[in-house]
PDB file of all heavy atoms in Angstrom:
ATOM      1  N   GLY A   1     -54.894 -23.998  28.166  1.00  0.00           N
ATOM      2  CA  GLY A   1     -53.583 -23.501  27.896  1.00  0.00           C
ATOM      3  C   GLY A   1     -52.447 -24.409  28.301  1.00  0.00           C
ATOM      4  O   GLY A   1     -51.271 -24.055  28.071  1.00  0.00           O
ATOM      5  N   ASN A   2     -52.741 -25.551  28.882  1.00  0.00           N
ATOM      6  CA  ASN A   2     -51.730 -26.458  29.356  1.00  0.00           C
ATOM      7  C   ASN A   2     -51.691 -27.748  28.504  1.00  0.00           C
ATOM      8  O   ASN A   2     -52.608 -28.080  27.805  1.00  0.00           O
ATOM      9  CB  ASN A   2     -51.923 -26.828  30.804  1.00  0.00           C
ATOM     10  CG  ASN A   2     -51.736 -25.639  31.730  1.00  0.00           C
ATOM     11  OD1 ASN A   2     -50.970 -24.735  31.434  1.00  0.00           O
ATOM     12  ND2 ASN A   2     -52.428 -25.648  32.890  1.00  0.00           N
ATOM     13  N   GLN A   3     -50.593 -28.493  28.690  1.00  0.00           N
ATOM     14  CA  GLN A   3     -50.469 -29.800  28.069  1.00  0.00           C
ATOM     15  C   GLN A   3     -51.321 -30.811  28.834  1.00  0.00           C
ATOM     16  O   GLN A   3     -51.585 -30.680  30.015  1.00  0.00           O
ATOM     17  CB  GLN A   3     -48.996 -30.251  28.090  1.00  0.00           C
ATOM     18  CG  GLN A   3     -48.054 -29.327  27.349  1.00  0.00           C
ATOM     19  CD  GLN A   3     -47.778 -29.788  25.952  1.00  0.00           C
ATOM     20  OE1 GLN A   3     -48.500 -30.679  25.418  1.00  0.00           O
ATOM     21  NE2 GLN A   3     -46.748 -29.248  25.327  1.00  0.00           N
ATOM     22  N   ARG A   4     -51.691 -31.853  28.140  1.00  0.00           N
ATOM     23  CA  ARG A   4     -52.373 -32.940  28.811  1.00  0.00           C
ATOM     24  C   ARG A   4     -51.382 -33.690  29.696  1.00  0.00           C
ATOM     25  O   ARG A   4     -50.242 -33.981  29.249  1.00  0.00           O
ATOM     26  CB  ARG A   4     -52.986 -33.904  27.783  1.00  0.00           C
ATOM     27  CG  ARG A   4     -53.901 -34.952  28.354  1.00  0.00           C
ATOM     28  CD  ARG A   4     -54.618 -35.761  27.289  1.00  0.00           C
ATOM     29  NE  ARG A   4     -55.489 -34.903  26.479  1.00  0.00           N
ATOM     30  CZ  ARG A   4     -56.281 -35.351  25.533  1.00  0.00           C
ATOM     31  NH1 ARG A   4     -56.355 -36.660  25.292  1.00  0.00           N
ATOM     32  NH2 ARG A   4     -57.000 -34.506  24.821  1.00  0.00           N
ATOM     33  N   GLU A   5     -51.777 -33.996  30.905  1.00  0.00           N
ATOM     34  CA  GLU A   5     -50.872 -34.618  31.856  1.00  0.00           C
ATOM     35  C   GLU A   5     -51.494 -35.859  32.473  1.00  0.00           C
ATOM     36  O   GLU A   5     -52.690 -35.979  32.619  1.00  0.00           O
ATOM     37  CB  GLU A   5     -50.460 -33.658  32.981  1.00  0.00           C
ATOM     38  CG  GLU A   5     -51.617 -33.212  33.860  1.00  0.00           C
ATOM     39  CD  GLU A   5     -51.197 -32.292  35.017  1.00  0.00           C
ATOM     40  OE1 GLU A   5     -49.973 -32.035  35.116  1.00  0.00           O
ATOM     41  OE2 GLU A   5     -52.057 -31.858  35.776  1.00  0.00           O
ATOM     42  N   LEU A   6     -50.630 -36.773  32.837  1.00  0.00           N
ATOM     43  CA  LEU A   6     -51.044 -38.007  33.481  1.00  0.00           C
ATOM     44  C   LEU A   6     -51.585 -37.717  34.868  1.00  0.00           C
ATOM     45  O   LEU A   6     -50.982 -36.929  35.627  1.00  0.00           O
ATOM     46  CB  LEU A   6     -49.901 -39.014  33.546  1.00  0.00           C
ATOM     47  CG  LEU A   6     -50.160 -40.387  34.131  1.00  0.00           C
ATOM     48  CD1 LEU A   6     -49.306 -41.449  33.468  1.00  0.00           C
ATOM     49  CD2 LEU A   6     -49.893 -40.406  35.636  1.00  0.00           C
ATOM     50  N   VAL A   7     -52.701 -38.328  35.211  1.00  0.00           N
ATOM     51  CA  VAL A   7     -53.227 -38.267  36.570  1.00  0.00           C
ATOM     52  C   VAL A   7     -52.986 -39.587  37.294  1.00  0.00           C
ATOM     53  O   VAL A   7     -52.414 -39.634  38.364  1.00  0.00           O
ATOM     54  CB  VAL A   7     -54.739 -37.934  36.573  1.00  0.00           C
ATOM     55  CG1 VAL A   7     -55.287 -37.958  37.979  1.00  0.00           C
ATOM     56  CG2 VAL A   7     -54.976 -36.565  35.919  1.00  0.00           C
ATOM     57  N   ALA A   8     -53.457 -40.675  36.697  1.00  0.00           N
ATOM     58  CA  ALA A   8     -53.277 -41.991  37.288  1.00  0.00           C
ATOM     59  C   ALA A   8     -53.453 -43.070  36.207  1.00  0.00           C
ATOM     60  O   ALA A   8     -54.215 -42.884  35.261  1.00  0.00           O
ATOM     61  CB  ALA A   8     -54.316 -42.232  38.418  1.00  0.00           C
ATOM     62  N   THR A   9     -52.755 -44.152  36.375  1.00  0.00           N
ATOM     63  CA  THR A   9     -52.908 -45.306  35.477  1.00  0.00           C
ATOM     64  C   THR A   9     -53.023 -46.563  36.302  1.00  0.00           C
ATOM     65  O   THR A   9     -52.607 -46.636  37.461  1.00  0.00           O
ATOM     66  CB  THR A   9     -51.708 -45.469  34.497  1.00  0.00           C
ATOM     67  OG1 THR A   9     -50.514 -45.676  35.243  1.00  0.00           O
ATOM     68  CG2 THR A   9     -51.560 -44.236  33.601  1.00  0.00           C
ATOM     69  N   ILE A  10     -53.610 -47.589  35.698  1.00  0.00           N
ATOM     70  CA  ILE A  10     -53.744 -48.898  36.349  1.00  0.00           C
ATOM     71  C   ILE A  10     -53.614 -49.976  35.284  1.00  0.00           C
ATOM     72  O   ILE A  10     -54.208 -49.916  34.235  1.00  0.00           O
ATOM     73  CB  ILE A  10     -55.050 -49.000  37.103  1.00  0.00           C
ATOM     74  CG1 ILE A  10     -55.147 -50.318  37.887  1.00  0.00           C
ATOM     75  CG2 ILE A  10     -56.256 -48.770  36.197  1.00  0.00           C
ATOM     76  CD1 ILE A  10     -56.275 -50.353  38.874  1.00  0.00           C
ATOM     77  N   SER A  11     -52.788 -50.951  35.594  1.00  0.00           N
ATOM     78  CA  SER A  11     -52.574 -52.060  34.677  1.00  0.00           C
ATOM     79  C   SER A  11     -53.724 -53.082  34.808  1.00  0.00           C
ATOM     80  O   SER A  11     -54.498 -53.023  35.738  1.00  0.00           O
ATOM     81  CB  SER A  11     -51.240 -52.725  34.899  1.00  0.00           C
ATOM     82  OG  SER A  11     -51.253 -53.475  36.097  1.00  0.00           O
ATOM     83  N   ARG A  12     -53.758 -54.012  33.865  1.00  0.00           N
ATOM     84  CA  ARG A  12     -54.755 -55.084  33.975  1.00  0.00           C
ATOM     85  C   ARG A  12     -54.606 -55.856  35.243  1.00  0.00           C
ATOM     86  O   ARG A  12     -55.614 -56.331  35.806  1.00  0.00           O
ATOM     87  CB  ARG A  12     -54.642 -55.990  32.763  1.00  0.00           C
ATOM     88  CG  ARG A  12     -55.806 -56.991  32.644  1.00  0.00           C
ATOM     89  CD  ARG A  12     -55.707 -57.750  31.323  1.00  0.00           C
ATOM     90  NE  ARG A  12     -56.879 -58.635  31.181  1.00  0.00           N
ATOM     91  CZ  ARG A  12     -58.018 -58.295  30.691  1.00  0.00           C
ATOM     92  NH1 ARG A  12     -58.226 -57.062  30.258  1.00  0.00           N
ATOM     93  NH2 ARG A  12     -59.025 -59.180  30.615  1.00  0.00           N
ATOM     94  N   GLY A  13     -53.359 -55.968  35.740  1.00  0.00           N
ATOM     95  CA  GLY A  13     -53.084 -56.668  36.988  1.00  0.00           C
ATOM     96  C   GLY A  13     -53.302 -55.850  38.238  1.00  0.00           C
ATOM     97  O   GLY A  13     -53.075 -56.370  39.339  1.00  0.00           O
ATOM     98  N   GLY A  14     -53.660 -54.591  38.069  1.00  0.00           N
ATOM     99  CA  GLY A  14     -53.978 -53.746  39.234  1.00  0.00           C
ATOM    100  C   GLY A  14     -52.836 -52.887  39.750  1.00  0.00           C
ATOM    101  O   GLY A  14     -52.983 -52.269  40.807  1.00  0.00           O
ATOM    102  N   ILE A  15     -51.711 -52.828  39.043  1.00  0.00           N
ATOM    103  CA  ILE A  15     -50.621 -51.983  39.420  1.00  0.00           C
ATOM    104  C   ILE A  15     -50.966 -50.532  39.108  1.00  0.00           C
ATOM    105  O   ILE A  15     -51.310 -50.211  37.975  1.00  0.00           O
ATOM    106  CB  ILE A  15     -49.305 -52.369  38.761  1.00  0.00           C
ATOM    107  CG1 ILE A  15     -48.942 -53.829  39.103  1.00  0.00           C
ATOM    108  CG2 ILE A  15     -48.201 -51.429  39.122  1.00  0.00           C
ATOM    109  CD1 ILE A  15     -47.798 -54.379  38.351  1.00  0.00           C
ATOM    110  N   THR A  16     -50.857 -49.640  40.087  1.00  0.00           N
ATOM    111  CA  THR A  16     -51.271 -48.265  39.910  1.00  0.00           C
ATOM    112  C   THR A  16     -50.083 -47.302  39.912  1.00  0.00           C
ATOM    113  O   THR A  16     -49.017 -47.581  40.486  1.00  0.00           O
ATOM    114  CB  THR A  16     -52.251 -47.831  41.003  1.00  0.00           C
ATOM    115  OG1 THR A  16     -51.631 -48.006  42.302  1.00  0.00           O
ATOM    116  CG2 THR A  16     -53.485 -48.691  40.952  1.00  0.00           C
ATOM    117  N   ASN A  17     -50.274 -46.167  39.272  1.00  0.00           N
ATOM    118  CA  ASN A  17     -49.321 -45.102  39.264  1.00  0.00           C
ATOM    119  C   ASN A  17     -50.056 -43.796  39.315  1.00  0.00           C
ATOM    120  O   ASN A  17     -51.065 -43.596  38.639  1.00  0.00           O
ATOM    121  CB  ASN A  17     -48.475 -45.176  37.977  1.00  0.00           C
ATOM    122  CG  ASN A  17     -47.404 -44.104  37.914  1.00  0.00           C
ATOM    123  OD1 ASN A  17     -46.684 -43.895  38.896  1.00  0.00           O
ATOM    124  ND2 ASN A  17     -47.282 -43.420  36.794  1.00  0.00           N
ATOM    125  N   TYR A  18     -49.600 -42.865  40.197  1.00  0.00           N
ATOM    126  CA  TYR A  18     -50.269 -41.606  40.379  1.00  0.00           C
ATOM    127  C   TYR A  18     -49.293 -40.437  40.201  1.00  0.00           C
ATOM    128  O   TYR A  18     -48.115 -40.533  40.555  1.00  0.00           O
ATOM    129  CB  TYR A  18     -50.858 -41.501  41.763  1.00  0.00           C
ATOM    130  CG  TYR A  18     -51.931 -42.453  42.123  1.00  0.00           C
ATOM    131  CD1 TYR A  18     -51.627 -43.685  42.701  1.00  0.00           C
ATOM    132  CD2 TYR A  18     -53.274 -42.157  41.857  1.00  0.00           C
ATOM    133  CE1 TYR A  18     -52.626 -44.602  43.011  1.00  0.00           C
ATOM    134  CE2 TYR A  18     -54.273 -43.043  42.176  1.00  0.00           C
ATOM    135  CZ  TYR A  18     -53.944 -44.256  42.737  1.00  0.00           C
ATOM    136  OH  TYR A  18     -54.960 -45.159  43.055  1.00  0.00           O
ATOM    137  N   ALA A  19     -49.830 -39.375  39.657  1.00  0.00           N
ATOM    138  CA  ALA A  19     -49.080 -38.124  39.697  1.00  0.00           C
ATOM    139  C   ALA A  19     -48.879 -37.696  41.143  1.00  0.00           C
ATOM    140  O   ALA A  19     -49.746 -37.857  41.966  1.00  0.00           O
ATOM    141  CB  ALA A  19     -49.780 -37.040  38.902  1.00  0.00           C
ATOM    142  N   ASP A  20     -47.729 -37.096  41.439  1.00  0.00           N
ATOM    143  CA  ASP A  20     -47.456 -36.668  42.793  1.00  0.00           C
ATOM    144  C   ASP A  20     -48.521 -35.712  43.332  1.00  0.00           C
ATOM    145  O   ASP A  20     -48.840 -35.726  44.524  1.00  0.00           O
ATOM    146  CB  ASP A  20     -46.084 -35.987  42.870  1.00  0.00           C
ATOM    147  CG  ASP A  20     -44.958 -36.969  42.745  1.00  0.00           C
ATOM    148  OD1 ASP A  20     -45.143 -38.168  42.956  1.00  0.00           O
ATOM    149  OD2 ASP A  20     -43.824 -36.517  42.444  1.00  0.00           O
ATOM    150  N   SER A  21     -49.067 -34.905  42.472  1.00  0.00           N
ATOM    151  CA  SER A  21     -50.030 -33.914  42.865  1.00  0.00           C
ATOM    152  C   SER A  21     -51.374 -34.473  43.345  1.00  0.00           C
ATOM    153  O   SER A  21     -52.112 -33.775  44.014  1.00  0.00           O
ATOM    154  CB  SER A  21     -50.301 -32.896  41.725  1.00  0.00           C
ATOM    155  OG  SER A  21     -50.815 -33.593  40.573  1.00  0.00           O
ATOM    156  N   VAL A  22     -51.627 -35.751  43.049  1.00  0.00           N
ATOM    157  CA  VAL A  22     -52.912 -36.330  43.430  1.00  0.00           C
ATOM    158  C   VAL A  22     -52.769 -37.483  44.394  1.00  0.00           C
ATOM    159  O   VAL A  22     -53.778 -38.025  44.891  1.00  0.00           O
ATOM    160  CB  VAL A  22     -53.724 -36.793  42.226  1.00  0.00           C
ATOM    161  CG1 VAL A  22     -53.875 -35.679  41.212  1.00  0.00           C
ATOM    162  CG2 VAL A  22     -53.087 -38.026  41.563  1.00  0.00           C
ATOM    163  N   LYS A  23     -51.539 -37.889  44.734  1.00  0.00           N
ATOM    164  CA  LYS A  23     -51.320 -38.999  45.632  1.00  0.00           C
ATOM    165  C   LYS A  23     -51.952 -38.719  46.987  1.00  0.00           C
ATOM    166  O   LYS A  23     -51.827 -37.613  47.533  1.00  0.00           O
ATOM    167  CB  LYS A  23     -49.816 -39.266  45.810  1.00  0.00           C
ATOM    168  CG  LYS A  23     -49.167 -39.963  44.643  1.00  0.00           C
ATOM    169  CD  LYS A  23     -47.716 -40.239  44.939  1.00  0.00           C
ATOM    170  CE  LYS A  23     -47.035 -40.961  43.760  1.00  0.00           C
ATOM    171  NZ  LYS A  23     -45.613 -41.166  43.970  1.00  0.00           N
ATOM    172  N   GLY A  24     -52.635 -39.715  47.516  1.00  0.00           N
ATOM    173  CA  GLY A  24     -53.287 -39.548  48.783  1.00  0.00           C
ATOM    174  C   GLY A  24     -54.678 -38.948  48.710  1.00  0.00           C
ATOM    175  O   GLY A  24     -55.405 -39.009  49.696  1.00  0.00           O
ATOM    176  N   ARG A  25     -55.026 -38.420  47.549  1.00  0.00           N
ATOM    177  CA  ARG A  25     -56.366 -37.819  47.377  1.00  0.00           C
ATOM    178  C   ARG A  25     -57.205 -38.554  46.362  1.00  0.00           C
ATOM    179  O   ARG A  25     -58.426 -38.673  46.544  1.00  0.00           O
ATOM    180  CB  ARG A  25     -56.212 -36.348  46.944  1.00  0.00           C
ATOM    181  CG  ARG A  25     -55.483 -35.482  47.939  1.00  0.00           C
ATOM    182  CD  ARG A  25     -55.547 -34.012  47.506  1.00  0.00           C
ATOM    183  NE  ARG A  25     -54.901 -33.762  46.239  1.00  0.00           N
ATOM    184  CZ  ARG A  25     -55.520 -33.228  45.165  1.00  0.00           C
ATOM    185  NH1 ARG A  25     -56.799 -32.905  45.233  1.00  0.00           N
ATOM    186  NH2 ARG A  25     -54.830 -33.050  44.048  1.00  0.00           N
ATOM    187  N   PHE A  26     -56.592 -39.079  45.289  1.00  0.00           N
ATOM    188  CA  PHE A  26     -57.287 -39.765  44.234  1.00  0.00           C
ATOM    189  C   PHE A  26     -57.011 -41.257  44.322  1.00  0.00           C
ATOM    190  O   PHE A  26     -55.901 -41.675  44.684  1.00  0.00           O
ATOM    191  CB  PHE A  26     -56.851 -39.275  42.850  1.00  0.00           C
ATOM    192  CG  PHE A  26     -57.222 -37.848  42.508  1.00  0.00           C
ATOM    193  CD1 PHE A  26     -57.747 -37.001  43.468  1.00  0.00           C
ATOM    194  CD2 PHE A  26     -57.015 -37.406  41.212  1.00  0.00           C
ATOM    195  CE1 PHE A  26     -58.092 -35.701  43.125  1.00  0.00           C
ATOM    196  CE2 PHE A  26     -57.364 -36.094  40.902  1.00  0.00           C
ATOM    197  CZ  PHE A  26     -57.921 -35.235  41.852  1.00  0.00           C
ATOM    198  N   THR A  27     -57.976 -42.043  43.941  1.00  0.00           N
ATOM    199  CA  THR A  27     -57.824 -43.504  43.878  1.00  0.00           C
ATOM    200  C   THR A  27     -58.367 -44.012  42.559  1.00  0.00           C
ATOM    201  O   THR A  27     -59.524 -43.758  42.204  1.00  0.00           O
ATOM    202  CB  THR A  27     -58.541 -44.196  45.034  1.00  0.00           C
ATOM    203  OG1 THR A  27     -58.055 -43.707  46.289  1.00  0.00           O
ATOM    204  CG2 THR A  27     -58.309 -45.711  44.976  1.00  0.00           C
ATOM    205  N   ILE A  28     -57.528 -44.737  41.828  1.00  0.00           N
ATOM    206  CA  ILE A  28     -57.965 -45.338  40.581  1.00  0.00           C
ATOM    207  C   ILE A  28     -58.262 -46.827  40.790  1.00  0.00           C
ATOM    208  O   ILE A  28     -57.585 -47.477  41.566  1.00  0.00           O
ATOM    209  CB  ILE A  28     -56.907 -45.143  39.464  1.00  0.00           C
ATOM    210  CG1 ILE A  28     -57.451 -45.596  38.102  1.00  0.00           C
ATOM    211  CG2 ILE A  28     -55.622 -45.888  39.783  1.00  0.00           C
ATOM    212  CD1 ILE A  28     -56.536 -45.190  36.938  1.00  0.00           C
TER     213      ILE A  28
END
């Protein structure tokens, strides 16, 4: 019932981005 949402991304160079809801718990 929800929209697809970003969890985490990583660039080819290793730059990461996390949703606030998973920061500190998930590692990409």
